[in-house]
């Protein structure tokens, strides 16, 4: 259903991602769009303020739990957008991202933003998954 492509003349990949992915829609059974997730508890309080690594782990676990509800995993993710408040945190979040996307290698975008919807949350991630 999913074919990851990397052109011969493209730059070497730096992480677990694909330059583009081809999806055979005749074989796809479902597509899930997961809205941006941030590291907050059930009461809306930020989890691990000022600890981008713990927040990143938390967000990936939230996304994993959402996908599980649809009988999917992070291996089914085909597109991810990661929003961070400080691009200097890239070196901290990249290994975590690579761990969670080791198999799926989705097309990805990383963007520095001025803030998230919740003060104290320094990362937000949204994904699209297909199975």
Protein backbone atom coordinates (compact mmCIF):
# COMPACT_ATOMS: atom_id res chain seq x y z
CA UNK A 1 0.00 0.00 0.00
CA UNK A 2 2.81 2.47 0.89
CA UNK A 3 6.02 2.93 -1.07
CA UNK A 4 8.76 5.22 0.26
CA UNK A 5 10.76 6.94 -2.42
CA UNK A 6 14.12 8.67 -2.36
CA UNK A 7 15.44 10.15 -5.60
CA UNK A 8 19.04 9.41 -6.53
CA UNK A 9 19.99 13.08 -6.82
CA UNK A 10 18.41 14.15 -3.49
CA UNK A 11 20.44 15.03 -0.41
CA UNK A 12 21.11 12.24 2.07
CA UNK A 13 18.39 11.83 4.67
CA UNK A 14 19.24 13.12 8.15
CA UNK A 15 16.59 11.19 10.07
CA UNK A 16 13.70 8.72 9.95
CA UNK A 17 11.67 10.34 7.19
CA UNK A 18 10.92 9.93 3.49
CA UNK A 19 11.20 12.68 0.87
CA UNK A 20 7.86 11.45 -0.45
CA UNK A 21 5.52 8.50 -0.10
CA UNK A 22 3.29 6.93 -2.70
CA UNK A 23 0.06 5.42 -1.37
CA UNK A 24 -2.03 2.93 -3.32
CA UNK A 25 -5.50 4.21 -2.44
CA UNK A 26 -7.15 1.12 -3.87
CA UNK A 27 -5.63 -0.86 -1.00
CA UNK A 28 -5.98 1.74 1.78
CA UNK A 29 -8.81 0.97 4.18
CA UNK A 30 -8.70 4.00 6.43
CA UNK A 31 -7.03 7.34 6.88
CA UNK A 32 -6.84 9.10 10.25
CA UNK A 33 -5.99 12.78 10.76
CA UNK A 34 -4.75 13.43 14.31
CA UNK A 35 -5.02 17.03 15.38
CA UNK A 36 -2.02 18.74 16.97
CA UNK A 37 -1.17 17.17 20.33
CA UNK A 38 0.61 18.95 23.18
CA UNK A 39 1.94 17.69 26.51
CA UNK A 40 -0.90 18.51 28.90
CA UNK A 41 -2.69 16.43 31.52
CA UNK A 42 -6.45 15.75 31.80
CA UNK A 43 -6.89 19.03 33.66
CA UNK A 44 -5.13 21.02 30.93
CA UNK A 45 -1.94 21.60 32.90
CA UNK A 46 1.37 21.40 31.00
CA UNK A 47 3.40 18.24 31.55
CA UNK A 48 7.12 18.75 32.22
CA UNK A 49 7.32 22.49 31.45
CA UNK A 50 10.76 23.43 30.12
CA UNK A 51 11.68 19.77 29.45
CA UNK A 52 11.36 19.35 25.70
CA UNK A 53 12.44 15.70 25.76
CA UNK A 54 9.74 14.65 28.26
CA UNK A 55 7.16 16.70 26.39
CA UNK A 56 8.14 15.10 23.08
CA UNK A 57 7.85 11.59 24.56
CA UNK A 58 4.47 12.51 26.04
CA UNK A 59 3.12 13.81 22.74
CA UNK A 60 4.23 10.71 20.85
CA UNK A 61 2.59 8.52 23.50
CA UNK A 62 -0.66 10.51 23.15
CA UNK A 63 -0.59 10.10 19.38
CA UNK A 64 0.15 6.39 19.77
CA UNK A 65 -2.85 5.99 22.08
CA UNK A 66 -5.13 7.83 19.64
CA UNK A 67 -4.00 5.63 16.75
CA UNK A 68 -4.50 2.50 18.85
CA UNK A 69 -8.20 3.42 19.15
CA UNK A 70 -8.37 2.99 15.36
CA UNK A 71 -6.31 -0.25 15.36
CA UNK A 72 -3.29 1.63 14.04
CA UNK A 73 0.22 2.39 15.27
CA UNK A 74 2.89 4.99 14.62
CA UNK A 75 4.11 2.63 11.90
CA UNK A 76 1.01 3.68 9.92
CA UNK A 77 1.89 7.40 9.99
CA UNK A 78 2.54 8.81 6.51
CA UNK A 79 2.78 12.55 7.34
CA UNK A 80 3.92 14.42 10.45
CA UNK A 81 4.20 18.11 11.23
CA UNK A 82 6.18 19.09 14.31
CA UNK A 83 5.93 22.60 15.72
CA UNK A 84 8.56 23.69 18.26
CA UNK A 85 9.08 26.97 20.07
CA UNK A 86 12.86 26.88 19.82
CA UNK A 87 14.75 25.45 16.85
CA UNK A 88 17.72 24.87 19.17
CA UNK A 89 15.66 21.99 20.62
CA UNK A 90 15.88 20.12 17.31
CA UNK A 91 18.93 18.16 18.50
CA UNK A 92 16.97 17.01 21.58
CA UNK A 93 13.76 16.01 19.86
CA UNK A 94 15.24 14.46 16.72
CA UNK A 95 16.44 11.20 18.38
CA UNK A 96 13.03 10.79 20.04
CA UNK A 97 11.22 11.42 16.77
CA UNK A 98 13.51 8.97 15.00
CA UNK A 99 12.79 6.30 17.63
CA UNK A 100 9.01 6.60 17.23
CA UNK A 101 9.17 6.83 13.41
CA UNK A 102 11.92 4.22 12.88
CA UNK A 103 9.62 2.02 10.80
CA UNK A 104 7.16 4.45 9.22
CA UNK A 105 9.61 7.13 8.03
CA UNK A 106 6.77 9.57 7.21
CA UNK A 107 7.10 12.68 5.12
CA UNK A 108 7.76 15.37 7.71
CA UNK A 109 7.91 19.07 8.37
CA UNK A 110 9.51 20.81 11.35
CA UNK A 111 8.52 24.41 12.02
CA UNK A 112 9.59 26.91 14.68
CA UNK A 113 6.63 28.80 16.12
CA UNK A 114 6.29 31.64 18.61
CA UNK A 115 3.94 29.76 20.96
CA UNK A 116 1.47 26.89 21.34
CA UNK A 117 -2.11 27.13 22.60
CA UNK A 118 -0.94 26.27 26.13
CA UNK A 119 1.74 28.24 27.96
CA UNK A 120 4.43 25.80 29.14
CA UNK A 121 3.98 23.41 26.21
CA UNK A 122 6.92 23.76 23.83
CA UNK A 123 6.04 21.21 21.13
CA UNK A 124 2.96 20.26 19.14
CA UNK A 125 2.69 17.39 16.67
CA UNK A 126 -0.04 16.45 14.20
CA UNK A 127 -0.04 13.36 11.98
CA UNK A 128 -1.87 11.60 9.20
CA UNK A 129 -1.97 7.80 9.29
CA UNK A 130 -3.21 5.30 6.70
CA UNK A 131 -3.80 1.58 6.87
